[in-house]
Amino acid sequence: MELYAGYRRAVELVGPHCDIETRLPDIPPSAKVRGPLFRSVYQALDADGRLGQFHELVPRRKRSSFGEFPLGEYLIELAAAGALMASPPNLQQGMFDISRTNARVFASTLMGRALLRLLARDPVRLTEQAVAARRQMANYGDWRMVRHGPHDIEMVYRDEYTWLESAIAGAAVGTFEACDVVPQIETKLSDRYNGSTRIRWE
């Protein structure tokens, strides 16, 4: 935990309510994510008026778009943000909501609207784009999409250390809602870092 010494207060807040303290040692030291993932968390906090409170727990650090930063730092910050957005006992719901909202907010930006027009608001094509974008944002693990039918896909995750049943599932819901589609999702875990999310829609 020495690597995350600057995050002691955040870990103390979220530790009793999630598995962060056992999750962090499992993360390979080489696992990195890029700055936009952090900034999406900050934007959600700022919109909710909680960014100042967040930075009382988490040190302010410059997160450039193309810089690579330790995955563990991102997980601590995401969990702390979820605790502030909901409550510490409900931080999983907070992380779900942050990820869901961020996908929808991106869709409302100039770039997001252009992408939706390009992809004809097709949720499958948008999901394929999200998988490709994830490869640019993270250097660990693997995501792949399996099609089971015209309105039935499955996202399969391998060695994904972000919480699959909350943060990752929230992003999936937000992606479909950006296409004006209400999905039904079911996440199944083979263990806490491997599993899949089945997504069905009308």
N, C-alpha and C. Protein backbone atom coordinates (compact mmCIF):
# COMPACT_ATOMS: atom_id res chain seq x y z
N MET A 1 0.82 -1.21 0.00
CA MET A 1 0.00 0.00 0.00
C MET A 1 0.85 1.27 0.00
N GLU A 2 2.19 1.11 0.13
CA GLU A 2 3.05 2.30 0.13
C GLU A 2 2.90 3.09 -1.15
N LEU A 3 2.62 2.39 -2.25
CA LEU A 3 2.46 3.05 -3.54
C LEU A 3 1.34 4.08 -3.50
N TYR A 4 0.35 3.86 -2.64
CA TYR A 4 -0.83 4.72 -2.59
C TYR A 4 -0.88 5.53 -1.30
N ALA A 5 0.29 5.88 -0.77
CA ALA A 5 0.36 6.55 0.53
C ALA A 5 -0.44 7.85 0.53
N GLY A 6 -0.44 8.58 -0.57
CA GLY A 6 -1.18 9.84 -0.64
C GLY A 6 -2.68 9.68 -0.62
N TYR A 7 -3.15 8.44 -0.70
CA TYR A 7 -4.58 8.17 -0.77
C TYR A 7 -5.12 7.57 0.53
N ARG A 8 -4.37 7.72 1.61
CA ARG A 8 -4.75 7.06 2.86
C ARG A 8 -6.17 7.43 3.29
N ARG A 9 -6.52 8.72 3.26
CA ARG A 9 -7.84 9.14 3.73
C ARG A 9 -8.95 8.56 2.85
N ALA A 10 -8.72 8.52 1.55
CA ALA A 10 -9.73 7.96 0.65
C ALA A 10 -9.92 6.48 0.91
N VAL A 11 -8.82 5.75 1.09
CA VAL A 11 -8.92 4.31 1.35
C VAL A 11 -9.62 4.06 2.68
N GLU A 12 -9.34 4.88 3.68
CA GLU A 12 -10.02 4.73 4.97
C GLU A 12 -11.53 4.95 4.84
N LEU A 13 -11.93 5.86 3.95
CA LEU A 13 -13.36 6.12 3.75
C LEU A 13 -14.05 4.94 3.08
N VAL A 14 -13.45 4.41 2.02
CA VAL A 14 -14.15 3.40 1.22
C VAL A 14 -13.83 1.97 1.65
N GLY A 15 -12.71 1.78 2.36
CA GLY A 15 -12.27 0.43 2.71
C GLY A 15 -13.30 -0.44 3.39
N PRO A 16 -14.07 0.10 4.36
CA PRO A 16 -15.07 -0.75 5.02
C PRO A 16 -16.25 -1.14 4.13
N HIS A 17 -16.36 -0.52 2.96
CA HIS A 17 -17.56 -0.70 2.14
C HIS A 17 -17.29 -1.34 0.78
N CYS A 18 -16.05 -1.68 0.49
CA CYS A 18 -15.72 -2.38 -0.76
C CYS A 18 -14.41 -3.14 -0.56
N ASP A 19 -13.98 -3.81 -1.60
CA ASP A 19 -12.80 -4.67 -1.50
C ASP A 19 -11.51 -3.99 -1.96
N ILE A 20 -11.46 -2.66 -1.88
CA ILE A 20 -10.31 -1.93 -2.43
C ILE A 20 -8.99 -2.40 -1.83
N GLU A 21 -8.96 -2.71 -0.55
CA GLU A 21 -7.70 -3.05 0.10
C GLU A 21 -7.17 -4.41 -0.33
N THR A 22 -8.02 -5.31 -0.74
CA THR A 22 -7.54 -6.58 -1.29
C THR A 22 -7.42 -6.54 -2.80
N ARG A 23 -8.11 -5.61 -3.43
CA ARG A 23 -8.04 -5.46 -4.89
C ARG A 23 -6.72 -4.83 -5.32
N LEU A 24 -6.28 -3.82 -4.62
CA LEU A 24 -5.06 -3.10 -5.03
C LEU A 24 -3.84 -4.00 -5.15
N PRO A 25 -3.57 -4.91 -4.20
CA PRO A 25 -2.38 -5.75 -4.34
C PRO A 25 -2.44 -6.71 -5.53
N ASP A 26 -3.63 -6.97 -6.06
CA ASP A 26 -3.77 -7.87 -7.21
C ASP A 26 -3.45 -7.19 -8.53
N ILE A 27 -3.41 -5.87 -8.54
CA ILE A 27 -3.20 -5.14 -9.79
C ILE A 27 -1.74 -5.21 -10.20
N PRO A 28 -1.43 -5.64 -11.42
CA PRO A 28 -0.03 -5.64 -11.87
C PRO A 28 0.54 -4.23 -11.86
N PRO A 29 1.78 -4.06 -11.42
CA PRO A 29 2.38 -2.71 -11.41
C PRO A 29 2.39 -2.05 -12.78
N SER A 30 2.36 -2.86 -13.83
CA SER A 30 2.40 -2.31 -15.20
C SER A 30 1.04 -1.79 -15.67
N ALA A 31 -0.04 -2.07 -14.93
CA ALA A 31 -1.40 -1.70 -15.38
C ALA A 31 -1.59 -0.19 -15.28
N LYS A 32 -1.86 0.45 -16.42
CA LYS A 32 -2.00 1.90 -16.48
C LYS A 32 -3.29 2.28 -17.23
N VAL A 33 -3.78 3.47 -16.92
CA VAL A 33 -4.91 4.05 -17.65
C VAL A 33 -4.57 5.49 -18.00
N ARG A 34 -5.27 6.04 -18.97
CA ARG A 34 -4.97 7.40 -19.44
C ARG A 34 -5.83 8.45 -18.72
N GLY A 35 -5.39 9.68 -18.85
CA GLY A 35 -5.99 10.80 -18.13
C GLY A 35 -7.48 11.01 -18.30
N PRO A 36 -8.06 10.81 -19.50
CA PRO A 36 -9.49 11.08 -19.64
C PRO A 36 -10.37 10.28 -18.69
N LEU A 37 -9.95 9.09 -18.27
CA LEU A 37 -10.76 8.33 -17.32
C LEU A 37 -10.86 9.07 -15.99
N PHE A 38 -9.76 9.65 -15.54
CA PHE A 38 -9.80 10.43 -14.30
C PHE A 38 -10.69 11.66 -14.48
N ARG A 39 -10.52 12.34 -15.60
CA ARG A 39 -11.24 13.59 -15.80
C ARG A 39 -12.75 13.37 -15.87
N SER A 40 -13.17 12.21 -16.37
CA SER A 40 -14.60 11.93 -16.40
C SER A 40 -15.17 11.83 -14.98
N VAL A 41 -14.37 11.30 -14.06
CA VAL A 41 -14.79 11.24 -12.65
C VAL A 41 -14.88 12.65 -12.08
N TYR A 42 -13.88 13.48 -12.36
CA TYR A 42 -13.88 14.85 -11.85
C TYR A 42 -15.07 15.64 -12.38
N GLN A 43 -15.41 15.43 -13.65
CA GLN A 43 -16.54 16.14 -14.24
C GLN A 43 -17.85 15.77 -13.55
N ALA A 44 -18.01 14.48 -13.23
CA ALA A 44 -19.22 14.05 -12.54
C ALA A 44 -19.30 14.67 -11.15
N LEU A 45 -18.17 14.71 -10.45
CA LEU A 45 -18.15 15.32 -9.13
C LEU A 45 -18.42 16.82 -9.20
N ASP A 46 -17.83 17.47 -10.17
CA ASP A 46 -18.02 18.91 -10.32
C ASP A 46 -19.49 19.24 -10.60
N ALA A 47 -20.11 18.44 -11.47
CA ALA A 47 -21.53 18.67 -11.79
C ALA A 47 -22.42 18.49 -10.57
N ASP A 48 -21.97 17.66 -9.63
CA ASP A 48 -22.74 17.40 -8.41
C ASP A 48 -22.32 18.31 -7.25
N GLY A 49 -21.36 19.21 -7.52
CA GLY A 49 -20.90 20.13 -6.48
C GLY A 49 -20.05 19.50 -5.41
N ARG A 50 -19.38 18.38 -5.74
CA ARG A 50 -18.61 17.65 -4.73
C ARG A 50 -17.11 17.56 -5.03
N LEU A 51 -16.66 18.30 -6.03
CA LEU A 51 -15.26 18.19 -6.40
C LEU A 51 -14.34 18.70 -5.30
N GLY A 52 -14.70 19.80 -4.64
CA GLY A 52 -13.89 20.31 -3.54
C GLY A 52 -13.78 19.32 -2.40
N GLN A 53 -14.90 18.70 -2.05
CA GLN A 53 -14.92 17.68 -1.00
C GLN A 53 -14.04 16.50 -1.39
N PHE A 54 -14.09 16.13 -2.66
CA PHE A 54 -13.28 15.02 -3.16
C PHE A 54 -11.79 15.31 -2.98
N HIS A 55 -11.38 16.54 -3.29
CA HIS A 55 -9.95 16.86 -3.21
C HIS A 55 -9.47 17.08 -1.77
N GLU A 56 -10.38 17.04 -0.81
CA GLU A 56 -9.95 16.96 0.58
C GLU A 56 -9.48 15.55 0.92
N LEU A 57 -9.94 14.58 0.14
CA LEU A 57 -9.57 13.17 0.34
C LEU A 57 -8.47 12.72 -0.60
N VAL A 58 -8.46 13.28 -1.79
CA VAL A 58 -7.59 12.80 -2.87
C VAL A 58 -6.69 13.94 -3.33
N PRO A 59 -5.38 13.70 -3.45
CA PRO A 59 -4.48 14.78 -3.88
C PRO A 59 -4.78 15.23 -5.30
N ARG A 60 -4.63 16.54 -5.53
CA ARG A 60 -4.78 17.08 -6.88
C ARG A 60 -3.55 16.71 -7.69
N ARG A 61 -3.75 16.11 -8.84
CA ARG A 61 -2.65 15.73 -9.71
C ARG A 61 -3.02 16.02 -11.16
N LYS A 62 -2.04 16.43 -11.91
CA LYS A 62 -2.29 16.71 -13.32
C LYS A 62 -2.46 15.39 -14.07
N ARG A 63 -3.52 15.28 -14.82
CA ARG A 63 -3.81 14.06 -15.57
C ARG A 63 -3.91 14.42 -17.05
N SER A 64 -2.80 14.40 -17.75
CA SER A 64 -2.81 14.76 -19.16
C SER A 64 -3.53 13.68 -19.98
N SER A 65 -4.03 14.07 -21.12
CA SER A 65 -4.83 13.15 -21.94
C SER A 65 -4.05 11.92 -22.36
N PHE A 66 -2.78 12.09 -22.70
CA PHE A 66 -2.00 10.97 -23.22
C PHE A 66 -1.07 10.36 -22.19
N GLY A 67 -1.07 10.92 -20.98
CA GLY A 67 -0.25 10.34 -19.92
C GLY A 67 -0.83 9.03 -19.43
N GLU A 68 0.03 8.15 -18.94
CA GLU A 68 -0.42 6.88 -18.37
C GLU A 68 -0.20 6.93 -16.86
N PHE A 69 -1.22 6.50 -16.11
CA PHE A 69 -1.20 6.62 -14.66
C PHE A 69 -1.60 5.27 -14.04
N PRO A 70 -1.13 4.99 -12.82
CA PRO A 70 -1.41 3.69 -12.20
C PRO A 70 -2.91 3.41 -12.09
N LEU A 71 -3.30 2.23 -12.50
CA LEU A 71 -4.70 1.84 -12.42
C LEU A 71 -5.21 1.93 -10.99
N GLY A 72 -4.38 1.56 -10.02
CA GLY A 72 -4.81 1.61 -8.63
C GLY A 72 -5.25 2.99 -8.19
N GLU A 73 -4.56 4.02 -8.66
CA GLU A 73 -4.96 5.39 -8.33
C GLU A 73 -6.36 5.68 -8.87
N TYR A 74 -6.62 5.23 -10.09
CA TYR A 74 -7.94 5.45 -10.68
C TYR A 74 -9.02 4.73 -9.87
N LEU A 75 -8.76 3.50 -9.44
CA LEU A 75 -9.77 2.76 -8.69
C LEU A 75 -10.06 3.42 -7.35
N ILE A 76 -9.02 3.90 -6.67
CA ILE A 76 -9.25 4.60 -5.40
C ILE A 76 -10.09 5.85 -5.63
N GLU A 77 -9.74 6.62 -6.65
CA GLU A 77 -10.47 7.86 -6.93
C GLU A 77 -11.91 7.57 -7.34
N LEU A 78 -12.12 6.54 -8.14
CA LEU A 78 -13.48 6.18 -8.56
C LEU A 78 -14.32 5.75 -7.37
N ALA A 79 -13.74 4.93 -6.49
CA ALA A 79 -14.48 4.47 -5.31
C ALA A 79 -14.81 5.64 -4.38
N ALA A 80 -13.83 6.54 -4.18
CA ALA A 80 -14.08 7.71 -3.32
C ALA A 80 -15.17 8.59 -3.93
N ALA A 81 -15.13 8.77 -5.24
CA ALA A 81 -16.16 9.56 -5.91
C ALA A 81 -17.53 8.90 -5.74
N GLY A 82 -17.60 7.59 -5.90
CA GLY A 82 -18.86 6.88 -5.71
C GLY A 82 -19.40 7.05 -4.31
N ALA A 83 -18.49 7.03 -3.32
CA ALA A 83 -18.91 7.21 -1.92
C ALA A 83 -19.48 8.60 -1.69
N LEU A 84 -18.89 9.61 -2.32
CA LEU A 84 -19.38 10.98 -2.16
C LEU A 84 -20.67 11.22 -2.93
N MET A 85 -20.80 10.61 -4.10
CA MET A 85 -21.98 10.82 -4.93
C MET A 85 -23.22 10.12 -4.35
N ALA A 86 -23.02 8.98 -3.72
CA ALA A 86 -24.13 8.26 -3.10
C ALA A 86 -23.94 8.34 -1.58
N SER A 87 -23.22 7.40 -1.03
CA SER A 87 -22.80 7.39 0.37
C SER A 87 -21.78 6.28 0.46
N PRO A 88 -20.93 6.27 1.49
CA PRO A 88 -19.94 5.18 1.56
C PRO A 88 -20.56 3.78 1.48
N PRO A 89 -21.65 3.48 2.21
CA PRO A 89 -22.22 2.13 2.08
C PRO A 89 -22.79 1.84 0.69
N ASN A 90 -23.14 2.90 -0.05
CA ASN A 90 -23.74 2.73 -1.38
C ASN A 90 -22.79 3.14 -2.50
N LEU A 91 -21.49 3.03 -2.25
CA LEU A 91 -20.53 3.51 -3.25
C LEU A 91 -20.60 2.74 -4.56
N GLN A 92 -21.01 1.47 -4.53
CA GLN A 92 -21.14 0.72 -5.78
C GLN A 92 -22.20 1.37 -6.68
N GLN A 93 -23.30 1.80 -6.08
CA GLN A 93 -24.33 2.50 -6.85
C GLN A 93 -23.79 3.83 -7.35
N GLY A 94 -23.00 4.51 -6.52
CA GLY A 94 -22.39 5.76 -6.95
C GLY A 94 -21.49 5.57 -8.14
N MET A 95 -20.68 4.51 -8.14
CA MET A 95 -19.79 4.24 -9.29
C MET A 95 -20.60 3.90 -10.53
N PHE A 96 -21.68 3.13 -10.36
CA PHE A 96 -22.57 2.82 -11.49
C PHE A 96 -23.12 4.10 -12.10
N ASP A 97 -23.60 4.99 -11.23
CA ASP A 97 -24.21 6.23 -11.72
C ASP A 97 -23.20 7.13 -12.41
N ILE A 98 -21.98 7.22 -11.86
CA ILE A 98 -20.94 8.03 -12.49
C ILE A 98 -20.64 7.53 -13.89
N SER A 99 -20.44 6.23 -14.03
CA SER A 99 -20.10 5.66 -15.34
C SER A 99 -21.27 5.78 -16.32
N ARG A 100 -22.47 5.57 -15.82
CA ARG A 100 -23.65 5.70 -16.68
C ARG A 100 -23.80 7.14 -17.17
N THR A 101 -23.68 8.09 -16.26
CA THR A 101 -23.83 9.50 -16.63
C THR A 101 -22.74 9.95 -17.58
N ASN A 102 -21.51 9.51 -17.35
CA ASN A 102 -20.41 9.95 -18.20
C ASN A 102 -20.61 9.53 -19.65
N ALA A 103 -21.13 8.33 -19.86
CA ALA A 103 -21.39 7.87 -21.23
C ALA A 103 -22.46 8.75 -21.88
N ARG A 104 -23.47 9.11 -21.12
CA ARG A 104 -24.54 9.94 -21.67
C ARG A 104 -24.07 11.38 -21.91
N VAL A 105 -23.24 11.89 -20.99
CA VAL A 105 -22.72 13.25 -21.17
C VAL A 105 -21.84 13.33 -22.41
N PHE A 106 -20.99 12.31 -22.62
CA PHE A 106 -20.16 12.31 -23.82
C PHE A 106 -21.01 12.36 -25.08
N ALA A 107 -22.12 11.64 -25.06
CA ALA A 107 -22.99 11.60 -26.24
C ALA A 107 -23.59 12.97 -26.54
N SER A 108 -23.67 13.83 -25.54
CA SER A 108 -24.25 15.16 -25.75
C SER A 108 -23.22 16.19 -26.22
N THR A 109 -21.93 15.82 -26.21
CA THR A 109 -20.90 16.75 -26.68
C THR A 109 -20.88 16.79 -28.20
N LEU A 110 -20.17 17.78 -28.74
CA LEU A 110 -20.07 17.91 -30.19
C LEU A 110 -19.48 16.64 -30.80
N MET A 111 -18.41 16.13 -30.19
CA MET A 111 -17.79 14.91 -30.71
C MET A 111 -18.72 13.73 -30.57
N GLY A 112 -19.41 13.65 -29.43
CA GLY A 112 -20.33 12.54 -29.21
C GLY A 112 -21.47 12.54 -30.20
N ARG A 113 -22.04 13.71 -30.46
CA ARG A 113 -23.15 13.79 -31.43
C ARG A 113 -22.68 13.41 -32.82
N ALA A 114 -21.46 13.84 -33.18
CA ALA A 114 -20.93 13.48 -34.50
C ALA A 114 -20.74 11.97 -34.60
N LEU A 115 -20.24 11.36 -33.52
CA LEU A 115 -20.04 9.91 -33.53
C LEU A 115 -21.36 9.17 -33.65
N LEU A 116 -22.37 9.63 -32.92
CA LEU A 116 -23.68 8.99 -33.00
C LEU A 116 -24.26 9.09 -34.41
N ARG A 117 -24.10 10.24 -35.05
CA ARG A 117 -24.58 10.38 -36.43
C ARG A 117 -23.83 9.42 -37.35
N LEU A 118 -22.52 9.33 -37.16
CA LEU A 118 -21.70 8.46 -38.00
C LEU A 118 -22.12 7.00 -37.85
N LEU A 119 -22.44 6.62 -36.64
CA LEU A 119 -22.80 5.22 -36.36
C LEU A 119 -24.31 4.98 -36.43
N ALA A 120 -25.05 5.99 -36.87
CA ALA A 120 -26.50 5.87 -37.07
C ALA A 120 -27.22 5.42 -35.79
N ARG A 121 -26.71 5.83 -34.64
CA ARG A 121 -27.29 5.46 -33.35
C ARG A 121 -27.48 3.96 -33.21
N ASP A 122 -26.59 3.21 -33.80
CA ASP A 122 -26.62 1.75 -33.70
C ASP A 122 -25.86 1.35 -32.44
N PRO A 123 -26.54 0.77 -31.43
CA PRO A 123 -25.85 0.47 -30.18
C PRO A 123 -24.74 -0.57 -30.34
N VAL A 124 -24.89 -1.49 -31.30
CA VAL A 124 -23.83 -2.49 -31.51
C VAL A 124 -22.58 -1.82 -32.05
N ARG A 125 -22.74 -0.96 -33.03
CA ARG A 125 -21.57 -0.27 -33.59
C ARG A 125 -20.95 0.66 -32.55
N LEU A 126 -21.80 1.29 -31.73
CA LEU A 126 -21.27 2.16 -30.69
C LEU A 126 -20.51 1.34 -29.64
N THR A 127 -20.99 0.14 -29.33
CA THR A 127 -20.28 -0.73 -28.40
C THR A 127 -18.94 -1.16 -28.98
N GLU A 128 -18.92 -1.48 -30.26
CA GLU A 128 -17.65 -1.82 -30.91
C GLU A 128 -16.66 -0.66 -30.81
N GLN A 129 -17.17 0.55 -30.98
CA GLN A 129 -16.32 1.74 -30.85
C GLN A 129 -15.81 1.88 -29.42
N ALA A 130 -16.68 1.57 -28.45
CA ALA A 130 -16.27 1.66 -27.04
C ALA A 130 -15.17 0.66 -26.72
N VAL A 131 -15.26 -0.54 -27.28
CA VAL A 131 -14.21 -1.55 -27.08
C VAL A 131 -12.89 -1.06 -27.65
N ALA A 132 -12.95 -0.47 -28.84
CA ALA A 132 -11.73 0.06 -29.45
C ALA A 132 -11.16 1.21 -28.62
N ALA A 133 -12.03 2.07 -28.10
CA ALA A 133 -11.57 3.19 -27.28
C ALA A 133 -10.94 2.70 -25.99
N ARG A 134 -11.49 1.64 -25.44
CA ARG A 134 -10.94 1.10 -24.19
C ARG A 134 -9.49 0.65 -24.39
N ARG A 135 -9.19 0.12 -25.56
CA ARG A 135 -7.80 -0.30 -25.84
C ARG A 135 -6.85 0.89 -25.82
N GLN A 136 -7.37 2.07 -26.16
CA GLN A 136 -6.55 3.28 -26.12
C GLN A 136 -6.43 3.85 -24.71
N MET A 137 -7.39 3.54 -23.86
CA MET A 137 -7.43 4.12 -22.51
C MET A 137 -6.74 3.27 -21.46
N ALA A 138 -6.53 1.98 -21.74
CA ALA A 138 -5.97 1.08 -20.73
C ALA A 138 -5.04 0.07 -21.40
N ASN A 139 -3.99 -0.31 -20.68
CA ASN A 139 -2.99 -1.22 -21.27
C ASN A 139 -3.02 -2.61 -20.66
N TYR A 140 -4.10 -2.96 -19.99
CA TYR A 140 -4.17 -4.25 -19.30
C TYR A 140 -5.48 -4.93 -19.67
N GLY A 141 -5.55 -6.24 -19.45
CA GLY A 141 -6.79 -6.97 -19.63
C GLY A 141 -7.28 -6.98 -21.06
N ASP A 142 -8.50 -7.49 -21.23
CA ASP A 142 -9.06 -7.64 -22.58
C ASP A 142 -10.58 -7.60 -22.51
N TRP A 143 -11.18 -6.87 -23.45
CA TRP A 143 -12.62 -6.87 -23.64
C TRP A 143 -12.92 -7.39 -25.04
N ARG A 144 -13.98 -8.16 -25.17
CA ARG A 144 -14.44 -8.54 -26.51
C ARG A 144 -15.96 -8.64 -26.50
N MET A 145 -16.53 -8.42 -27.66
CA MET A 145 -17.97 -8.45 -27.81
C MET A 145 -18.39 -9.69 -28.57
N VAL A 146 -19.41 -10.38 -28.05
CA VAL A 146 -19.97 -11.57 -28.70
C VAL A 146 -21.42 -11.26 -29.06
N ARG A 147 -21.79 -11.48 -30.32
CA ARG A 147 -23.17 -11.25 -30.76
C ARG A 147 -23.96 -12.55 -30.66
N HIS A 148 -25.08 -12.49 -29.93
CA HIS A 148 -25.96 -13.65 -29.80
C HIS A 148 -27.22 -13.50 -30.65
N GLY A 149 -27.47 -12.31 -31.14
CA GLY A 149 -28.66 -12.05 -31.95
C GLY A 149 -28.69 -10.58 -32.33
N PRO A 150 -29.69 -10.17 -33.12
CA PRO A 150 -29.77 -8.77 -33.56
C PRO A 150 -29.83 -7.78 -32.40
N HIS A 151 -30.49 -8.18 -31.31
CA HIS A 151 -30.64 -7.30 -30.15
C HIS A 151 -30.13 -7.99 -28.89
N ASP A 152 -29.03 -8.68 -29.02
CA ASP A 152 -28.51 -9.47 -27.90
C ASP A 152 -27.00 -9.63 -28.06
N ILE A 153 -26.25 -8.94 -27.20
CA ILE A 153 -24.79 -9.06 -27.24
C ILE A 153 -24.28 -9.37 -25.84
N GLU A 154 -23.05 -9.82 -25.80
CA GLU A 154 -22.40 -10.10 -24.52
C GLU A 154 -21.00 -9.48 -24.55
N MET A 155 -20.70 -8.70 -23.52
CA MET A 155 -19.36 -8.17 -23.34
C MET A 155 -18.61 -9.10 -22.40
N VAL A 156 -17.48 -9.63 -22.86
CA VAL A 156 -16.69 -10.57 -22.08
C VAL A 156 -15.42 -9.86 -21.62
N TYR A 157 -15.16 -9.93 -20.32
CA TYR A 157 -14.03 -9.21 -19.72
C TYR A 157 -13.02 -10.20 -19.14
N ARG A 158 -11.75 -9.96 -19.44
CA ARG A 158 -10.68 -10.77 -18.87
C ARG A 158 -9.67 -9.85 -18.18
N ASP A 159 -9.34 -10.19 -16.94
CA ASP A 159 -8.38 -9.41 -16.16
C ASP A 159 -8.74 -7.93 -16.11
N GLU A 160 -10.01 -7.67 -15.82
CA GLU A 160 -10.50 -6.29 -15.66
C GLU A 160 -10.62 -6.00 -14.16
N TYR A 161 -9.80 -5.09 -13.65
CA TYR A 161 -9.73 -4.84 -12.22
C TYR A 161 -10.72 -3.77 -11.75
N THR A 162 -11.33 -3.05 -12.68
CA THR A 162 -12.41 -2.13 -12.33
C THR A 162 -13.65 -2.96 -12.00
N TRP A 163 -14.47 -2.49 -11.08
CA TRP A 163 -15.62 -3.26 -10.61
C TRP A 163 -16.59 -3.53 -11.77
N LEU A 164 -16.72 -4.79 -12.13
CA LEU A 164 -17.52 -5.17 -13.29
C LEU A 164 -19.01 -4.93 -13.07
N GLU A 165 -19.49 -5.25 -11.88
CA GLU A 165 -20.93 -5.22 -11.64
C GLU A 165 -21.47 -3.82 -11.37
N SER A 166 -20.59 -2.85 -11.21
CA SER A 166 -21.06 -1.48 -10.94
C SER A 166 -20.52 -0.51 -11.98
N ALA A 167 -19.23 -0.19 -11.92
CA ALA A 167 -18.68 0.83 -12.84
C ALA A 167 -18.78 0.41 -14.30
N ILE A 168 -18.38 -0.83 -14.61
CA ILE A 168 -18.39 -1.27 -16.01
C ILE A 168 -19.82 -1.44 -16.50
N ALA A 169 -20.68 -2.00 -15.66
CA ALA A 169 -22.09 -2.17 -16.06
C ALA A 169 -22.76 -0.82 -16.28
N GLY A 170 -22.43 0.17 -15.45
CA GLY A 170 -23.00 1.50 -15.62
C GLY A 170 -22.63 2.12 -16.95
N ALA A 171 -21.38 1.93 -17.36
CA ALA A 171 -20.94 2.46 -18.65
C ALA A 171 -21.70 1.81 -19.79
N ALA A 172 -21.98 0.50 -19.66
CA ALA A 172 -22.74 -0.20 -20.70
C ALA A 172 -24.14 0.38 -20.83
N VAL A 173 -24.79 0.60 -19.69
CA VAL A 173 -26.14 1.17 -19.72
C VAL A 173 -26.12 2.56 -20.34
N GLY A 174 -25.17 3.39 -19.93
CA GLY A 174 -25.09 4.74 -20.46
C GLY A 174 -24.84 4.78 -21.95
N THR A 175 -24.03 3.84 -22.45
CA THR A 175 -23.74 3.77 -23.88
C THR A 175 -25.02 3.50 -24.67
N PHE A 176 -25.84 2.57 -24.19
CA PHE A 176 -27.08 2.25 -24.90
C PHE A 176 -28.08 3.39 -24.78
N GLU A 177 -28.15 4.01 -23.61
CA GLU A 177 -29.08 5.12 -23.44
C GLU A 177 -28.71 6.29 -24.35
N ALA A 178 -27.43 6.42 -24.67
CA ALA A 178 -27.01 7.47 -25.61
C ALA A 178 -27.62 7.25 -26.99
N CYS A 179 -28.00 6.02 -27.29
CA CYS A 179 -28.66 5.69 -28.56
C CYS A 179 -30.18 5.65 -28.41
N ASP A 180 -30.67 6.18 -27.28
CA ASP A 180 -32.11 6.17 -26.99
C ASP A 180 -32.65 4.74 -26.92
N VAL A 181 -31.83 3.84 -26.39
CA VAL A 181 -32.21 2.44 -26.21
C VAL A 181 -32.14 2.12 -24.72
N VAL A 182 -33.18 1.47 -24.21
CA VAL A 182 -33.20 1.05 -22.81
C VAL A 182 -32.79 -0.42 -22.76
N PRO A 183 -31.60 -0.73 -22.24
CA PRO A 183 -31.14 -2.11 -22.26
C PRO A 183 -31.54 -2.88 -21.00
N GLN A 184 -31.60 -4.18 -21.13
CA GLN A 184 -31.66 -5.07 -19.98
C GLN A 184 -30.28 -5.71 -19.85
N ILE A 185 -29.66 -5.57 -18.69
CA ILE A 185 -28.30 -6.09 -18.54
C ILE A 185 -28.24 -7.11 -17.40
N GLU A 186 -27.34 -8.05 -17.57
CA GLU A 186 -27.08 -9.06 -16.55
C GLU A 186 -25.58 -9.33 -16.53
N THR A 187 -24.95 -9.05 -15.40
CA THR A 187 -23.52 -9.28 -15.26
C THR A 187 -23.29 -10.54 -14.45
N LYS A 188 -22.46 -11.43 -14.98
CA LYS A 188 -22.08 -12.66 -14.29
C LYS A 188 -20.57 -12.68 -14.13
N LEU A 189 -20.12 -13.02 -12.93
CA LEU A 189 -18.69 -13.06 -12.63
C LEU A 189 -18.23 -14.50 -12.48
N SER A 190 -17.11 -14.84 -13.13
CA SER A 190 -16.45 -16.11 -12.83
C SER A 190 -15.52 -15.93 -11.64
N ASP A 191 -14.96 -14.76 -11.49
CA ASP A 191 -14.32 -14.26 -10.28
C ASP A 191 -14.39 -12.75 -10.36
N ARG A 192 -13.83 -12.04 -9.41
CA ARG A 192 -14.11 -10.60 -9.40
C ARG A 192 -13.43 -9.82 -10.51
N TYR A 193 -12.50 -10.45 -11.25
CA TYR A 193 -11.82 -9.76 -12.34
C TYR A 193 -12.15 -10.32 -13.72
N ASN A 194 -12.99 -11.32 -13.76
CA ASN A 194 -13.34 -11.96 -15.02
C ASN A 194 -14.84 -12.25 -15.04
N GLY A 195 -15.45 -12.00 -16.17
CA GLY A 195 -16.88 -12.24 -16.27
C GLY A 195 -17.44 -11.65 -17.55
N SER A 196 -18.74 -11.43 -17.56
CA SER A 196 -19.37 -10.88 -18.76
C SER A 196 -20.64 -10.14 -18.39
N THR A 197 -21.05 -9.26 -19.29
CA THR A 197 -22.32 -8.56 -19.17
C THR A 197 -23.15 -8.86 -20.41
N ARG A 198 -24.30 -9.48 -20.21
CA ARG A 198 -25.23 -9.76 -21.30
C ARG A 198 -26.15 -8.55 -21.44
N ILE A 199 -26.31 -8.08 -22.66
CA ILE A 199 -27.11 -6.88 -22.92
C ILE A 199 -28.16 -7.22 -23.97
N ARG A 200 -29.42 -7.03 -23.61
CA ARG A 200 -30.53 -7.28 -24.53
C ARG A 200 -31.39 -6.03 -24.61
N TRP A 201 -32.02 -5.82 -25.75
CA TRP A 201 -32.88 -4.65 -25.93
C TRP A 201 -33.92 -4.93 -26.99
N GLU A 202 -34.95 -4.11 -27.00
CA GLU A 202 -36.05 -4.27 -27.97
C GLU A 202 -35.65 -3.70 -29.32
